[in-house]
PDB file of N, CA and C in Angstrom:
ATOM      1  N   MET A   1      30.543  -3.397 -33.463  1.00  0.00           N
ATOM      2  CA  MET A   1      31.348  -3.999 -34.497  1.00  0.00           C
ATOM      3  C   MET A   1      32.096  -5.187 -33.900  1.00  0.00           C
ATOM      4  N   SER A   2      32.037  -6.342 -34.547  1.00  0.00           N
ATOM      5  CA  SER A   2      32.791  -7.486 -34.057  1.00  0.00           C
ATOM      6  C   SER A   2      34.235  -7.386 -34.545  1.00  0.00           C
ATOM      7  N   VAL A   3      35.145  -7.870 -33.734  1.00  0.00           N
ATOM      8  CA  VAL A   3      36.560  -7.828 -34.080  1.00  0.00           C
ATOM      9  C   VAL A   3      36.861  -8.990 -35.004  1.00  0.00           C
ATOM     10  N   SER A   4      37.449  -8.692 -36.148  1.00  0.00           N
ATOM     11  CA  SER A   4      37.795  -9.730 -37.112  1.00  0.00           C
ATOM     12  C   SER A   4      39.154 -10.319 -36.783  1.00  0.00           C
ATOM     13  N   SER A   5      39.288 -11.630 -37.018  1.00  0.00           N
ATOM     14  CA  SER A   5      40.581 -12.271 -36.803  1.00  0.00           C
ATOM     15  C   SER A   5      41.355 -12.275 -38.120  1.00  0.00           C
ATOM     16  N   ILE A   6      42.610 -11.907 -38.034  1.00  0.00           N
ATOM     17  CA  ILE A   6      43.467 -11.814 -39.209  1.00  0.00           C
ATOM     18  C   ILE A   6      44.687 -12.696 -39.011  1.00  0.00           C
ATOM     19  N   MET A   7      45.021 -13.461 -40.048  1.00  0.00           N
ATOM     20  CA  MET A   7      46.248 -14.247 -40.043  1.00  0.00           C
ATOM     21  C   MET A   7      47.264 -13.528 -40.923  1.00  0.00           C
ATOM     22  N   LEU A   8      48.462 -13.320 -40.388  1.00  0.00           N
ATOM     23  CA  LEU A   8      49.562 -12.751 -41.161  1.00  0.00           C
ATOM     24  C   LEU A   8      50.501 -13.876 -41.564  1.00  0.00           C
ATOM     25  N   ILE A   9      50.870 -13.895 -42.840  1.00  0.00           N
ATOM     26  CA  ILE A   9      51.863 -14.845 -43.327  1.00  0.00           C
ATOM     27  C   ILE A   9      53.001 -14.000 -43.882  1.00  0.00           C
ATOM     28  N   GLU A  10      54.083 -13.939 -43.127  1.00  0.00           N
ATOM     29  CA  GLU A  10      55.211 -13.063 -43.472  1.00  0.00           C
ATOM     30  C   GLU A  10      56.487 -13.669 -42.909  1.00  0.00           C
ATOM     31  N   ASP A  11      57.515 -13.801 -43.749  1.00  0.00           N
ATOM     32  CA  ASP A  11      58.764 -14.400 -43.296  1.00  0.00           C
ATOM     33  C   ASP A  11      59.807 -13.386 -42.851  1.00  0.00           C
ATOM     34  N   ASP A  12      59.531 -12.111 -42.994  1.00  0.00           N
ATOM     35  CA  ASP A  12      60.434 -11.067 -42.502  1.00  0.00           C
ATOM     36  C   ASP A  12      59.905 -10.595 -41.147  1.00  0.00           C
ATOM     37  N   ALA A  13      60.653 -10.866 -40.095  1.00  0.00           N
ATOM     38  CA  ALA A  13      60.191 -10.596 -38.728  1.00  0.00           C
ATOM     39  C   ALA A  13      59.900  -9.122 -38.476  1.00  0.00           C
ATOM     40  N   ILE A  14      60.690  -8.229 -39.050  1.00  0.00           N
ATOM     41  CA  ILE A  14      60.486  -6.788 -38.832  1.00  0.00           C
ATOM     42  C   ILE A  14      59.192  -6.327 -39.492  1.00  0.00           C
ATOM     43  N   ILE A  15      58.966  -6.748 -40.717  1.00  0.00           N
ATOM     44  CA  ILE A  15      57.720  -6.377 -41.410  1.00  0.00           C
ATOM     45  C   ILE A  15      56.514  -6.988 -40.705  1.00  0.00           C
ATOM     46  N   ALA A  16      56.637  -8.244 -40.293  1.00  0.00           N
ATOM     47  CA  ALA A  16      55.539  -8.918 -39.596  1.00  0.00           C
ATOM     48  C   ALA A  16      55.173  -8.185 -38.310  1.00  0.00           C
ATOM     49  N   ALA A  17      56.186  -7.802 -37.531  1.00  0.00           N
ATOM     50  CA  ALA A  17      55.925  -7.119 -36.255  1.00  0.00           C
ATOM     51  C   ALA A  17      55.266  -5.769 -36.480  1.00  0.00           C
ATOM     52  N   GLY A  18      55.731  -5.024 -37.468  1.00  0.00           N
ATOM     53  CA  GLY A  18      55.136  -3.715 -37.755  1.00  0.00           C
ATOM     54  C   GLY A  18      53.708  -3.824 -38.249  1.00  0.00           C
ATOM     55  N   THR A  19      53.455  -4.777 -39.128  1.00  0.00           N
ATOM     56  CA  THR A  19      52.100  -4.981 -39.644  1.00  0.00           C
ATOM     57  C   THR A  19      51.158  -5.414 -38.529  1.00  0.00           C
ATOM     58  N   LYS A  20      51.636  -6.330 -37.697  1.00  0.00           N
ATOM     59  CA  LYS A  20      50.823  -6.792 -36.567  1.00  0.00           C
ATOM     60  C   LYS A  20      50.462  -5.634 -35.641  1.00  0.00           C
ATOM     61  N   ARG A  21      51.450  -4.822 -35.300  1.00  0.00           N
ATOM     62  CA  ARG A  21      51.217  -3.685 -34.406  1.00  0.00           C
ATOM     63  C   ARG A  21      50.199  -2.718 -35.006  1.00  0.00           C
ATOM     64  N   ASN A  22      50.340  -2.406 -36.287  1.00  0.00           N
ATOM     65  CA  ASN A  22      49.410  -1.480 -36.939  1.00  0.00           C
ATOM     66  C   ASN A  22      47.981  -2.018 -36.947  1.00  0.00           C
ATOM     67  N   LEU A  23      47.832  -3.295 -37.255  1.00  0.00           N
ATOM     68  CA  LEU A  23      46.482  -3.879 -37.283  1.00  0.00           C
ATOM     69  C   LEU A  23      45.871  -3.978 -35.888  1.00  0.00           C
ATOM     70  N   GLU A  24      46.688  -4.305 -34.896  1.00  0.00           N
ATOM     71  CA  GLU A  24      46.181  -4.342 -33.520  1.00  0.00           C
ATOM     72  C   GLU A  24      45.752  -2.956 -33.065  1.00  0.00           C
ATOM     73  N   ASN A  25      46.480  -1.924 -33.467  1.00  0.00           N
ATOM     74  CA  ASN A  25      46.099  -0.545 -33.117  1.00  0.00           C
ATOM     75  C   ASN A  25      44.762  -0.155 -33.737  1.00  0.00           C
ATOM     76  N   LEU A  26      44.408  -0.816 -34.840  1.00  0.00           N
ATOM     77  CA  LEU A  26      43.110  -0.571 -35.476  1.00  0.00           C
ATOM     78  C   LEU A  26      42.001  -1.435 -34.884  1.00  0.00           C
ATOM     79  N   GLY A  27      42.347  -2.282 -33.912  1.00  0.00           N
ATOM     80  CA  GLY A  27      41.343  -3.068 -33.205  1.00  0.00           C
ATOM     81  C   GLY A  27      41.152  -4.491 -33.694  1.00  0.00           C
ATOM     82  N   TYR A  28      42.029  -4.968 -34.561  1.00  0.00           N
ATOM     83  CA  TYR A  28      41.888  -6.333 -35.076  1.00  0.00           C
ATOM     84  C   TYR A  28      42.572  -7.343 -34.169  1.00  0.00           C
ATOM     85  N   ASP A  29      42.016  -8.563 -34.179  1.00  0.00           N
ATOM     86  CA  ASP A  29      42.585  -9.686 -33.448  1.00  0.00           C
ATOM     87  C   ASP A  29      43.555 -10.387 -34.395  1.00  0.00           C
ATOM     88  N   ILE A  30      44.846 -10.356 -34.076  1.00  0.00           N
ATOM     89  CA  ILE A  30      45.866 -10.942 -34.936  1.00  0.00           C
ATOM     90  C   ILE A  30      46.288 -12.285 -34.375  1.00  0.00           C
ATOM     91  N   ARG A  31      46.192 -13.289 -35.202  1.00  0.00           N
ATOM     92  CA  ARG A  31      46.638 -14.621 -34.819  1.00  0.00           C
ATOM     93  C   ARG A  31      48.164 -14.678 -34.824  1.00  0.00           C
ATOM     94  N   PRO A  32      48.752 -15.717 -34.257  1.00  0.00           N
ATOM     95  CA  PRO A  32      50.210 -15.853 -34.337  1.00  0.00           C
ATOM     96  C   PRO A  32      50.681 -15.825 -35.796  1.00  0.00           C
ATOM     97  N   ILE A  33      51.759 -15.133 -36.044  1.00  0.00           N
ATOM     98  CA  ILE A  33      52.278 -14.950 -37.396  1.00  0.00           C
ATOM     99  C   ILE A  33      52.927 -16.241 -37.887  1.00  0.00           C
ATOM    100  N   GLU A  34      52.631 -16.599 -39.118  1.00  0.00           N
ATOM    101  CA  GLU A  34      53.230 -17.772 -39.756  1.00  0.00           C
ATOM    102  C   GLU A  34      54.253 -17.294 -40.783  1.00  0.00           C
ATOM    103  N   ALA A  35      55.395 -17.995 -40.864  1.00  0.00           N
ATOM    104  CA  ALA A  35      56.465 -17.593 -41.771  1.00  0.00           C
ATOM    105  C   ALA A  35      56.435 -18.337 -43.100  1.00  0.00           C
ATOM    106  N   SER A  36      55.644 -19.398 -43.200  1.00  0.00           N
ATOM    107  CA  SER A  36      55.586 -20.148 -44.457  1.00  0.00           C
ATOM    108  C   SER A  36      54.137 -20.499 -44.784  1.00  0.00           C
ATOM    109  N   ALA A  37      53.882 -20.667 -46.071  1.00  0.00           N
ATOM    110  CA  ALA A  37      52.533 -21.030 -46.510  1.00  0.00           C
ATOM    111  C   ALA A  37      52.143 -22.409 -46.006  1.00  0.00           C
ATOM    112  N   GLU A  38      53.110 -23.314 -45.950  1.00  0.00           N
ATOM    113  CA  GLU A  38      52.827 -24.671 -45.483  1.00  0.00           C
ATOM    114  C   GLU A  38      52.332 -24.665 -44.039  1.00  0.00           C
ATOM    115  N   ASP A  39      53.012 -23.909 -43.164  1.00  0.00           N
ATOM    116  CA  ASP A  39      52.580 -23.813 -41.765  1.00  0.00           C
ATOM    117  C   ASP A  39      51.228 -23.121 -41.652  1.00  0.00           C
ATOM    118  N   ALA A  40      51.034 -22.095 -42.468  1.00  0.00           N
ATOM    119  CA  ALA A  40      49.769 -21.354 -42.426  1.00  0.00           C
ATOM    120  C   ALA A  40      48.592 -22.240 -42.814  1.00  0.00           C
ATOM    121  N   LEU A  41      48.781 -23.091 -43.825  1.00  0.00           N
ATOM    122  CA  LEU A  41      47.694 -23.966 -44.257  1.00  0.00           C
ATOM    123  C   LEU A  41      47.243 -24.907 -43.150  1.00  0.00           C
ATOM    124  N   LYS A  42      48.177 -25.395 -42.363  1.00  0.00           N
ATOM    125  CA  LYS A  42      47.825 -26.264 -41.239  1.00  0.00           C
ATOM    126  C   LYS A  42      46.964 -25.512 -40.227  1.00  0.00           C
ATOM    127  N   LYS A  43      47.352 -24.268 -39.921  1.00  0.00           N
ATOM    128  CA  LYS A  43      46.606 -23.470 -38.947  1.00  0.00           C
ATOM    129  C   LYS A  43      45.233 -23.078 -39.481  1.00  0.00           C
ATOM    130  N   ILE A  44      45.153 -22.807 -40.780  1.00  0.00           N
ATOM    131  CA  ILE A  44      43.875 -22.422 -41.391  1.00  0.00           C
ATOM    132  C   ILE A  44      42.870 -23.561 -41.293  1.00  0.00           C
ATOM    133  N   GLU A  45      43.344 -24.783 -41.481  1.00  0.00           N
ATOM    134  CA  GLU A  45      42.450 -25.941 -41.365  1.00  0.00           C
ATOM    135  C   GLU A  45      41.915 -26.097 -39.941  1.00  0.00           C
ATOM    136  N   GLU A  46      42.764 -25.803 -38.938  1.00  0.00           N
ATOM    137  CA  GLU A  46      42.354 -25.929 -37.543  1.00  0.00           C
ATOM    138  C   GLU A  46      41.326 -24.870 -37.166  1.00  0.00           C
ATOM    139  N   GLU A  47      41.583 -23.638 -37.560  1.00  0.00           N
ATOM    140  CA  GLU A  47      40.690 -22.534 -37.212  1.00  0.00           C
ATOM    141  C   GLU A  47      40.787 -21.442 -38.273  1.00  0.00           C
ATOM    142  N   PRO A  48      39.845 -21.411 -39.216  1.00  0.00           N
ATOM    143  CA  PRO A  48      39.916 -20.431 -40.305  1.00  0.00           C
ATOM    144  C   PRO A  48      39.797 -18.990 -39.802  1.00  0.00           C
ATOM    145  N   PRO A  49      40.687 -18.107 -40.265  1.00  0.00           N
ATOM    146  CA  PRO A  49      40.578 -16.697 -39.896  1.00  0.00           C
ATOM    147  C   PRO A  49      39.548 -16.000 -40.783  1.00  0.00           C
ATOM    148  N   ASP A  50      39.184 -14.785 -40.412  1.00  0.00           N
ATOM    149  CA  ASP A  50      38.272 -13.994 -41.243  1.00  0.00           C
ATOM    150  C   ASP A  50      38.992 -13.425 -42.464  1.00  0.00           C
ATOM    151  N   LEU A  51      40.289 -13.156 -42.309  1.00  0.00           N
ATOM    152  CA  LEU A  51      41.069 -12.537 -43.383  1.00  0.00           C
ATOM    153  C   LEU A  51      42.507 -13.021 -43.282  1.00  0.00           C
ATOM    154  N   ILE A  52      43.150 -13.189 -44.435  1.00  0.00           N
ATOM    155  CA  ILE A  52      44.561 -13.562 -44.478  1.00  0.00           C
ATOM    156  C   ILE A  52      45.317 -12.470 -45.209  1.00  0.00           C
ATOM    157  N   VAL A  53      46.394 -11.980 -44.598  1.00  0.00           N
ATOM    158  CA  VAL A  53      47.287 -11.006 -45.228  1.00  0.00           C
ATOM    159  C   VAL A  53      48.610 -11.732 -45.423  1.00  0.00           C
ATOM    160  N   THR A  54      49.028 -11.876 -46.677  1.00  0.00           N
ATOM    161  CA  THR A  54      50.217 -12.667 -46.950  1.00  0.00           C
ATOM    162  C   THR A  54      51.221 -11.937 -47.833  1.00  0.00           C
ATOM    163  N   ASP A  55      52.473 -12.222 -47.574  1.00  0.00           N
ATOM    164  CA  ASP A  55      53.557 -11.797 -48.443  1.00  0.00           C
ATOM    165  C   ASP A  55      53.501 -12.694 -49.680  1.00  0.00           C
ATOM    166  N   ILE A  56      53.964 -12.208 -50.811  1.00  0.00           N
ATOM    167  CA  ILE A  56      53.958 -13.014 -52.024  1.00  0.00           C
ATOM    168  C   ILE A  56      55.155 -13.957 -52.052  1.00  0.00           C
ATOM    169  N   MET A  57      56.332 -13.452 -51.733  1.00  0.00           N
ATOM    170  CA  MET A  57      57.551 -14.258 -51.743  1.00  0.00           C
ATOM    171  C   MET A  57      57.848 -14.726 -50.318  1.00  0.00           C
ATOM    172  N   LEU A  58      57.625 -16.009 -50.066  1.00  0.00           N
ATOM    173  CA  LEU A  58      57.813 -16.579 -48.737  1.00  0.00           C
ATOM    174  C   LEU A  58      58.929 -17.610 -48.748  1.00  0.00           C
ATOM    175  N   SER A  59      59.485 -17.867 -47.573  1.00  0.00           N
ATOM    176  CA  SER A  59      60.429 -18.970 -47.466  1.00  0.00           C
ATOM    177  C   SER A  59      59.642 -20.267 -47.537  1.00  0.00           C
ATOM    178  N   GLY A  60      60.279 -21.334 -47.987  1.00  0.00           N
ATOM    179  CA  GLY A  60      59.585 -22.602 -48.144  1.00  0.00           C
ATOM    180  C   GLY A  60      59.311 -22.894 -49.601  1.00  0.00           C
ATOM    181  N   LYS A  61      58.591 -23.962 -49.842  1.00  0.00           N
ATOM    182  CA  LYS A  61      58.337 -24.406 -51.217  1.00  0.00           C
ATOM    183  C   LYS A  61      57.207 -23.633 -51.904  1.00  0.00           C
ATOM    184  N   MET A  62      56.287 -23.102 -51.115  1.00  0.00           N
ATOM    185  CA  MET A  62      55.117 -22.404 -51.693  1.00  0.00           C
ATOM    186  C   MET A  62      55.286 -20.906 -51.602  1.00  0.00           C
ATOM    187  N   THR A  63      54.659 -20.197 -52.545  1.00  0.00           N
ATOM    188  CA  THR A  63      54.616 -18.739 -52.484  1.00  0.00           C
ATOM    189  C   THR A  63      53.314 -18.324 -51.801  1.00  0.00           C
ATOM    190  N   GLY A  64      53.132 -17.041 -51.628  1.00  0.00           N
ATOM    191  CA  GLY A  64      51.918 -16.535 -51.004  1.00  0.00           C
ATOM    192  C   GLY A  64      50.731 -16.434 -51.945  1.00  0.00           C
ATOM    193  N   ILE A  65      50.924 -16.812 -53.215  1.00  0.00           N
ATOM    194  CA  ILE A  65      49.825 -16.685 -54.182  1.00  0.00           C
ATOM    195  C   ILE A  65      49.471 -17.991 -54.879  1.00  0.00           C
ATOM    196  N   GLU A  66      50.076 -19.090 -54.451  1.00  0.00           N
ATOM    197  CA  GLU A  66      49.757 -20.368 -55.090  1.00  0.00           C
ATOM    198  C   GLU A  66      48.337 -20.793 -54.773  1.00  0.00           C
ATOM    199  N   LYS A  67      47.732 -21.419 -55.754  1.00  0.00           N
ATOM    200  CA  LYS A  67      46.378 -21.947 -55.586  1.00  0.00           C
ATOM    201  C   LYS A  67      46.467 -23.312 -54.916  1.00  0.00           C
ATOM    202  N   VAL A  68      45.681 -23.506 -53.895  1.00  0.00           N
ATOM    203  CA  VAL A  68      45.645 -24.776 -53.168  1.00  0.00           C
ATOM    204  C   VAL A  68      44.315 -25.451 -53.475  1.00  0.00           C
ATOM    205  N   THR A  69      44.375 -26.694 -53.904  1.00  0.00           N
ATOM    206  CA  THR A  69      43.127 -27.399 -54.216  1.00  0.00           C
ATOM    207  C   THR A  69      42.888 -28.510 -53.238  1.00  0.00           C
TER     208      THR A  69
END
């Protein structure tokens, strides 16, 4: 089984750390956690992850569910 890379987008540090730890314990490769959708979009363009796990209500101008065109 290949290890999938996951990007976490979460602005609450405690939730982000717990989610990261749980996913790593399951064998997933977790990228550095992003706290805003704007920062995450920049990283996604550089190197797309296999999966994105995002909070809905994020700090910044964008939410975790906005459509990007």
